[in-house]
Amino acid sequence: MSEDSKQIMRSAQCARIILCICEMYGVSIDEATDIYYNSETADMIEEGVADLHCRSDKYLAEEIWKEHQETK
């Protein structure tokens, strides 16, 4: 898979996770986007740590939300 293809896949997953956060926790798309991009989990997904990109979008949304709640 080319680097461009990998980036497209990561971008699509990012969008799906943000949508999950929005739907699951009743926050706006802007707030969900901020929560996602300010999380360590998002950084680890981007870096390919522990094959997090292989986890379901819902699972990752839950982990990012937990992280967000702990840092409040």
PDB file of N, CA and C in Angstrom:
ATOM      1  N   MET A   1       0.850  -1.172   0.000  1.00  0.00           N
ATOM      2  CA  MET A   1       0.000   0.000   0.000  1.00  0.00           C
ATOM      3  C   MET A   1       0.897   1.237   0.000  1.00  0.00           C
ATOM      4  N   SER A   2       0.582   2.183  -0.845  1.00  0.00           N
ATOM      5  CA  SER A   2       1.392   3.399  -0.951  1.00  0.00           C
ATOM      6  C   SER A   2       1.157   4.298   0.261  1.00  0.00           C
ATOM      7  N   GLU A   3       2.069   5.218   0.487  1.00  0.00           N
ATOM      8  CA  GLU A   3       1.927   6.169   1.594  1.00  0.00           C
ATOM      9  C   GLU A   3       0.669   7.019   1.422  1.00  0.00           C
ATOM     10  N   ASP A   4       0.366   7.393   0.182  1.00  0.00           N
ATOM     11  CA  ASP A   4      -0.854   8.164  -0.072  1.00  0.00           C
ATOM     12  C   ASP A   4      -2.095   7.374   0.338  1.00  0.00           C
ATOM     13  N   SER A   5      -2.115   6.096  -0.002  1.00  0.00           N
ATOM     14  CA  SER A   5      -3.251   5.245   0.358  1.00  0.00           C
ATOM     15  C   SER A   5      -3.382   5.122   1.869  1.00  0.00           C
ATOM     16  N   LYS A   6      -2.256   4.960   2.546  1.00  0.00           N
ATOM     17  CA  LYS A   6      -2.273   4.859   4.007  1.00  0.00           C
ATOM     18  C   LYS A   6      -2.808   6.141   4.629  1.00  0.00           C
ATOM     19  N   GLN A   7      -2.398   7.284   4.089  1.00  0.00           N
ATOM     20  CA  GLN A   7      -2.864   8.567   4.620  1.00  0.00           C
ATOM     21  C   GLN A   7      -4.369   8.734   4.407  1.00  0.00           C
ATOM     22  N   ILE A   8      -4.853   8.306   3.268  1.00  0.00           N
ATOM     23  CA  ILE A   8      -6.293   8.377   2.994  1.00  0.00           C
ATOM     24  C   ILE A   8      -7.059   7.504   3.984  1.00  0.00           C
ATOM     25  N   MET A   9      -6.549   6.310   4.252  1.00  0.00           N
ATOM     26  CA  MET A   9      -7.191   5.402   5.202  1.00  0.00           C
ATOM     27  C   MET A   9      -7.201   5.999   6.607  1.00  0.00           C
ATOM     28  N   ARG A  10      -6.078   6.594   7.027  1.00  0.00           N
ATOM     29  CA  ARG A  10      -6.011   7.215   8.358  1.00  0.00           C
ATOM     30  C   ARG A  10      -6.977   8.394   8.458  1.00  0.00           C
ATOM     31  N   SER A  11      -7.059   9.185   7.408  1.00  0.00           N
ATOM     32  CA  SER A  11      -7.964  10.340   7.410  1.00  0.00           C
ATOM     33  C   SER A  11      -9.419   9.897   7.512  1.00  0.00           C
ATOM     34  N   ALA A  12      -9.767   8.848   6.790  1.00  0.00           N
ATOM     35  CA  ALA A  12     -11.137   8.334   6.838  1.00  0.00           C
ATOM     36  C   ALA A  12     -11.453   7.780   8.225  1.00  0.00           C
ATOM     37  N   GLN A  13     -10.494   7.075   8.815  1.00  0.00           N
ATOM     38  CA  GLN A  13     -10.705   6.538  10.158  1.00  0.00           C
ATOM     39  C   GLN A  13     -10.859   7.675  11.168  1.00  0.00           C
ATOM     40  N   CYS A  14     -10.043   8.688  11.041  1.00  0.00           N
ATOM     41  CA  CYS A  14     -10.117   9.862  11.909  1.00  0.00           C
ATOM     42  C   CYS A  14     -11.517  10.461  11.852  1.00  0.00           C
ATOM     43  N   ALA A  15     -12.042  10.650  10.670  1.00  0.00           N
ATOM     44  CA  ALA A  15     -13.379  11.225  10.498  1.00  0.00           C
ATOM     45  C   ALA A  15     -14.444  10.340  11.136  1.00  0.00           C
ATOM     46  N   ARG A  16     -14.313   9.030  10.982  1.00  0.00           N
ATOM     47  CA  ARG A  16     -15.290   8.108  11.571  1.00  0.00           C
ATOM     48  C   ARG A  16     -15.235   8.142  13.097  1.00  0.00           C
ATOM     49  N   ILE A  17     -14.034   8.212  13.658  1.00  0.00           N
ATOM     50  CA  ILE A  17     -13.880   8.271  15.117  1.00  0.00           C
ATOM     51  C   ILE A  17     -14.495   9.561  15.657  1.00  0.00           C
ATOM     52  N   ILE A  18     -14.232  10.673  14.993  1.00  0.00           N
ATOM     53  CA  ILE A  18     -14.806  11.956  15.415  1.00  0.00           C
ATOM     54  C   ILE A  18     -16.331  11.879  15.375  1.00  0.00           C
ATOM     55  N   LEU A  19     -16.879  11.290  14.336  1.00  0.00           N
ATOM     56  CA  LEU A  19     -18.331  11.130  14.235  1.00  0.00           C
ATOM     57  C   LEU A  19     -18.862  10.254  15.371  1.00  0.00           C
ATOM     58  N   CYS A  20     -18.144   9.190  15.707  1.00  0.00           N
ATOM     59  CA  CYS A  20     -18.549   8.327  16.825  1.00  0.00           C
ATOM     60  C   CYS A  20     -18.573   9.109  18.131  1.00  0.00           C
ATOM     61  N   ILE A  21     -17.543   9.904  18.381  1.00  0.00           N
ATOM     62  CA  ILE A  21     -17.499  10.714  19.607  1.00  0.00           C
ATOM     63  C   ILE A  21     -18.716  11.634  19.651  1.00  0.00           C
ATOM     64  N   CYS A  22     -18.991  12.257  18.537  1.00  0.00           N
ATOM     65  CA  CYS A  22     -20.123  13.179  18.422  1.00  0.00           C
ATOM     66  C   CYS A  22     -21.440  12.472  18.736  1.00  0.00           C
ATOM     67  N   GLU A  23     -21.658  11.336  18.135  1.00  0.00           N
ATOM     68  CA  GLU A  23     -22.913  10.601  18.300  1.00  0.00           C
ATOM     69  C   GLU A  23     -23.030   9.941  19.668  1.00  0.00           C
ATOM     70  N   MET A  24     -21.943   9.362  20.161  1.00  0.00           N
ATOM     71  CA  MET A  24     -21.985   8.610  21.414  1.00  0.00           C
ATOM     72  C   MET A  24     -22.098   9.512  22.638  1.00  0.00           C
ATOM     73  N   TYR A  25     -21.510  10.697  22.567  1.00  0.00           N
ATOM     74  CA  TYR A  25     -21.427  11.544  23.757  1.00  0.00           C
ATOM     75  C   TYR A  25     -22.171  12.871  23.610  1.00  0.00           C
ATOM     76  N   GLY A  26     -22.865  13.049  22.503  1.00  0.00           N
ATOM     77  CA  GLY A  26     -23.718  14.210  22.325  1.00  0.00           C
ATOM     78  C   GLY A  26     -22.991  15.540  22.302  1.00  0.00           C
ATOM     79  N   VAL A  27     -21.786  15.542  21.750  1.00  0.00           N
ATOM     80  CA  VAL A  27     -21.037  16.793  21.626  1.00  0.00           C
ATOM     81  C   VAL A  27     -21.070  17.246  20.168  1.00  0.00           C
ATOM     82  N   SER A  28     -20.777  18.513  19.959  1.00  0.00           N
ATOM     83  CA  SER A  28     -20.772  19.044  18.594  1.00  0.00           C
ATOM     84  C   SER A  28     -19.606  18.452  17.809  1.00  0.00           C
ATOM     85  N   ILE A  29     -19.686  18.544  16.506  1.00  0.00           N
ATOM     86  CA  ILE A  29     -18.606  18.055  15.653  1.00  0.00           C
ATOM     87  C   ILE A  29     -17.316  18.821  15.930  1.00  0.00           C
ATOM     88  N   ASP A  30     -17.431  20.116  16.219  1.00  0.00           N
ATOM     89  CA  ASP A  30     -16.244  20.915  16.537  1.00  0.00           C
ATOM     90  C   ASP A  30     -15.595  20.454  17.835  1.00  0.00           C
ATOM     91  N   GLU A  31     -16.429  20.208  18.855  1.00  0.00           N
ATOM     92  CA  GLU A  31     -15.884  19.747  20.137  1.00  0.00           C
ATOM     93  C   GLU A  31     -15.275  18.355  19.994  1.00  0.00           C
ATOM     94  N   ALA A  32     -15.954  17.474  19.263  1.00  0.00           N
ATOM     95  CA  ALA A  32     -15.432  16.123  19.046  1.00  0.00           C
ATOM     96  C   ALA A  32     -14.097  16.172  18.306  1.00  0.00           C
ATOM     97  N   THR A  33     -13.986  17.078  17.351  1.00  0.00           N
ATOM     98  CA  THR A  33     -12.731  17.235  16.605  1.00  0.00           C
ATOM     99  C   THR A  33     -11.615  17.702  17.526  1.00  0.00           C
ATOM    100  N   ASP A  34     -11.911  18.683  18.377  1.00  0.00           N
ATOM    101  CA  ASP A  34     -10.909  19.161  19.341  1.00  0.00           C
ATOM    102  C   ASP A  34     -10.489  18.050  20.294  1.00  0.00           C
ATOM    103  N   ILE A  35     -11.458  17.297  20.792  1.00  0.00           N
ATOM    104  CA  ILE A  35     -11.156  16.189  21.705  1.00  0.00           C
ATOM    105  C   ILE A  35     -10.242  15.189  21.013  1.00  0.00           C
ATOM    106  N   TYR A  36     -10.574  14.844  19.783  1.00  0.00           N
ATOM    107  CA  TYR A  36      -9.768  13.872  19.036  1.00  0.00           C
ATOM    108  C   TYR A  36      -8.330  14.360  18.857  1.00  0.00           C
ATOM    109  N   TYR A  37      -8.181  15.558  18.302  1.00  0.00           N
ATOM    110  CA  TYR A  37      -6.843  16.037  17.960  1.00  0.00           C
ATOM    111  C   TYR A  37      -5.997  16.424  19.169  1.00  0.00           C
ATOM    112  N   ASN A  38      -6.618  16.598  20.330  1.00  0.00           N
ATOM    113  CA  ASN A  38      -5.866  16.902  21.542  1.00  0.00           C
ATOM    114  C   ASN A  38      -5.583  15.664  22.381  1.00  0.00           C
ATOM    115  N   SER A  39      -5.868  14.493  21.837  1.00  0.00           N
ATOM    116  CA  SER A  39      -5.658  13.256  22.590  1.00  0.00           C
ATOM    117  C   SER A  39      -4.324  12.602  22.230  1.00  0.00           C
ATOM    118  N   GLU A  40      -3.765  11.943  23.227  1.00  0.00           N
ATOM    119  CA  GLU A  40      -2.552  11.156  22.990  1.00  0.00           C
ATOM    120  C   GLU A  40      -2.876   9.944  22.127  1.00  0.00           C
ATOM    121  N   THR A  41      -4.084   9.439  22.269  1.00  0.00           N
ATOM    122  CA  THR A  41      -4.495   8.272  21.487  1.00  0.00           C
ATOM    123  C   THR A  41      -4.450   8.572  19.996  1.00  0.00           C
ATOM    124  N   ALA A  42      -4.908   9.759  19.599  1.00  0.00           N
ATOM    125  CA  ALA A  42      -4.864  10.139  18.180  1.00  0.00           C
ATOM    126  C   ALA A  42      -3.425  10.164  17.678  1.00  0.00           C
ATOM    127  N   ASP A  43      -2.520  10.671  18.510  1.00  0.00           N
ATOM    128  CA  ASP A  43      -1.101  10.678  18.129  1.00  0.00           C
ATOM    129  C   ASP A  43      -0.586   9.256  17.949  1.00  0.00           C
ATOM    130  N   MET A  44      -0.987   8.364  18.852  1.00  0.00           N
ATOM    131  CA  MET A  44      -0.530   6.976  18.757  1.00  0.00           C
ATOM    132  C   MET A  44      -1.115   6.280  17.530  1.00  0.00           C
ATOM    133  N   ILE A  45      -2.362   6.594  17.186  1.00  0.00           N
ATOM    134  CA  ILE A  45      -2.964   6.027  15.975  1.00  0.00           C
ATOM    135  C   ILE A  45      -2.149   6.469  14.763  1.00  0.00           C
ATOM    136  N   GLU A  46      -1.840   7.756  14.702  1.00  0.00           N
ATOM    137  CA  GLU A  46      -1.078   8.316  13.582  1.00  0.00           C
ATOM    138  C   GLU A  46       0.305   7.680  13.472  1.00  0.00           C
ATOM    139  N   GLU A  47       0.919   7.393  14.623  1.00  0.00           N
ATOM    140  CA  GLU A  47       2.261   6.804  14.639  1.00  0.00           C
ATOM    141  C   GLU A  47       2.244   5.296  14.430  1.00  0.00           C
ATOM    142  N   GLY A  48       1.069   4.697  14.458  1.00  0.00           N
ATOM    143  CA  GLY A  48       0.961   3.255  14.257  1.00  0.00           C
ATOM    144  C   GLY A  48       1.322   2.442  15.482  1.00  0.00           C
ATOM    145  N   VAL A  49       1.238   3.042  16.666  1.00  0.00           N
ATOM    146  CA  VAL A  49       1.591   2.369  17.914  1.00  0.00           C
ATOM    147  C   VAL A  49       0.573   1.271  18.219  1.00  0.00           C
ATOM    148  N   ALA A  50       1.079   0.105  18.558  1.00  0.00           N
ATOM    149  CA  ALA A  50       0.269  -1.027  19.032  1.00  0.00           C
ATOM    150  C   ALA A  50      -0.882  -1.382  18.087  1.00  0.00           C
ATOM    151  N   ASP A  51      -0.713  -1.097  16.816  1.00  0.00           N
ATOM    152  CA  ASP A  51      -1.746  -1.413  15.821  1.00  0.00           C
ATOM    153  C   ASP A  51      -3.121  -0.873  16.212  1.00  0.00           C
ATOM    154  N   LEU A  52      -3.132   0.301  16.845  1.00  0.00           N
ATOM    155  CA  LEU A  52      -4.405   0.911  17.241  1.00  0.00           C
ATOM    156  C   LEU A  52      -5.315   1.145  16.043  1.00  0.00           C
ATOM    157  N   HIS A  53      -4.724   1.396  14.888  1.00  0.00           N
ATOM    158  CA  HIS A  53      -5.535   1.633  13.693  1.00  0.00           C
ATOM    159  C   HIS A  53      -6.382   0.415  13.317  1.00  0.00           C
ATOM    160  N   CYS A  54      -6.054  -0.739  13.883  1.00  0.00           N
ATOM    161  CA  CYS A  54      -6.811  -1.961  13.609  1.00  0.00           C
ATOM    162  C   CYS A  54      -8.033  -2.104  14.517  1.00  0.00           C
ATOM    163  N   ARG A  55      -8.110  -1.291  15.561  1.00  0.00           N
ATOM    164  CA  ARG A  55      -9.240  -1.352  16.497  1.00  0.00           C
ATOM    165  C   ARG A  55     -10.468  -0.703  15.865  1.00  0.00           C
ATOM    166  N   SER A  56     -11.622  -1.033  16.408  1.00  0.00           N
ATOM    167  CA  SER A  56     -12.856  -0.462  15.854  1.00  0.00           C
ATOM    168  C   SER A  56     -12.937   1.028  16.164  1.00  0.00           C
ATOM    169  N   ASP A  57     -13.662   1.734  15.331  1.00  0.00           N
ATOM    170  CA  ASP A  57     -13.839   3.173  15.527  1.00  0.00           C
ATOM    171  C   ASP A  57     -14.519   3.449  16.865  1.00  0.00           C
ATOM    172  N   LYS A  58     -15.508   2.645  17.213  1.00  0.00           N
ATOM    173  CA  LYS A  58     -16.232   2.831  18.472  1.00  0.00           C
ATOM    174  C   LYS A  58     -15.294   2.630  19.663  1.00  0.00           C
ATOM    175  N   TYR A  59     -14.480   1.592  19.621  1.00  0.00           N
ATOM    176  CA  TYR A  59     -13.524   1.346  20.709  1.00  0.00           C
ATOM    177  C   TYR A  59     -12.582   2.535  20.863  1.00  0.00           C
ATOM    178  N   LEU A  60     -12.046   3.022  19.761  1.00  0.00           N
ATOM    179  CA  LEU A  60     -11.114   4.147  19.816  1.00  0.00           C
ATOM    180  C   LEU A  60     -11.813   5.411  20.305  1.00  0.00           C
ATOM    181  N   ALA A  61     -13.063   5.614  19.899  1.00  0.00           N
ATOM    182  CA  ALA A  61     -13.826   6.768  20.381  1.00  0.00           C
ATOM    183  C   ALA A  61     -14.002   6.688  21.894  1.00  0.00           C
ATOM    184  N   GLU A  62     -14.292   5.495  22.401  1.00  0.00           N
ATOM    185  CA  GLU A  62     -14.443   5.309  23.847  1.00  0.00           C
ATOM    186  C   GLU A  62     -13.139   5.603  24.577  1.00  0.00           C
ATOM    187  N   GLU A  63     -12.025   5.123  24.045  1.00  0.00           N
ATOM    188  CA  GLU A  63     -10.724   5.359  24.673  1.00  0.00           C
ATOM    189  C   GLU A  63     -10.368   6.844  24.675  1.00  0.00           C
ATOM    190  N   ILE A  64     -10.639   7.508  23.572  1.00  0.00           N
ATOM    191  CA  ILE A  64     -10.347   8.943  23.477  1.00  0.00           C
ATOM    192  C   ILE A  64     -11.237   9.716  24.443  1.00  0.00           C
ATOM    193  N   TRP A  65     -12.496   9.319  24.574  1.00  0.00           N
ATOM    194  CA  TRP A  65     -13.403   9.989  25.507  1.00  0.00           C
ATOM    195  C   TRP A  65     -12.920   9.795  26.950  1.00  0.00           C
ATOM    196  N   LYS A  66     -12.515   8.563  27.298  1.00  0.00           N
ATOM    197  CA  LYS A  66     -11.983   8.304  28.647  1.00  0.00           C
ATOM    198  C   LYS A  66     -10.782   9.197  28.920  1.00  0.00           C
ATOM    199  N   GLU A  67      -9.894   9.269  27.957  1.00  0.00           N
ATOM    200  CA  GLU A  67      -8.709  10.119  28.090  1.00  0.00           C
ATOM    201  C   GLU A  67      -9.128  11.576  28.299  1.00  0.00           C
ATOM    202  N   HIS A  68     -10.098  12.029  27.537  1.00  0.00           N
ATOM    203  CA  HIS A  68     -10.602  13.401  27.651  1.00  0.00           C
ATOM    204  C   HIS A  68     -11.173  13.650  29.049  1.00  0.00           C
ATOM    205  N   GLN A  69     -11.947  12.705  29.556  1.00  0.00           N
ATOM    206  CA  GLN A  69     -12.551  12.856  30.879  1.00  0.00           C
ATOM    207  C   GLN A  69     -11.494  12.894  31.981  1.00  0.00           C
ATOM    208  N   GLU A  70     -10.426  12.133  31.815  1.00  0.00           N
ATOM    209  CA  GLU A  70      -9.353  12.100  32.815  1.00  0.00           C
ATOM    210  C   GLU A  70      -8.546  13.388  32.837  1.00  0.00           C
ATOM    211  N   THR A  71      -8.503  14.099  31.726  1.00  0.00           N
ATOM    212  CA  THR A  71      -7.693  15.321  31.655  1.00  0.00           C
ATOM    213  C   THR A  71      -8.496  16.576  31.961  1.00  0.00           C
ATOM    214  N   LYS A  72      -9.778  16.426  32.207  1.00  0.00           N
ATOM    215  CA  LYS A  72     -10.630  17.590  32.523  1.00  0.00           C
ATOM    216  C   LYS A  72     -10.294  18.143  33.881  1.00  0.00           C
TER     217      LYS A  72
END
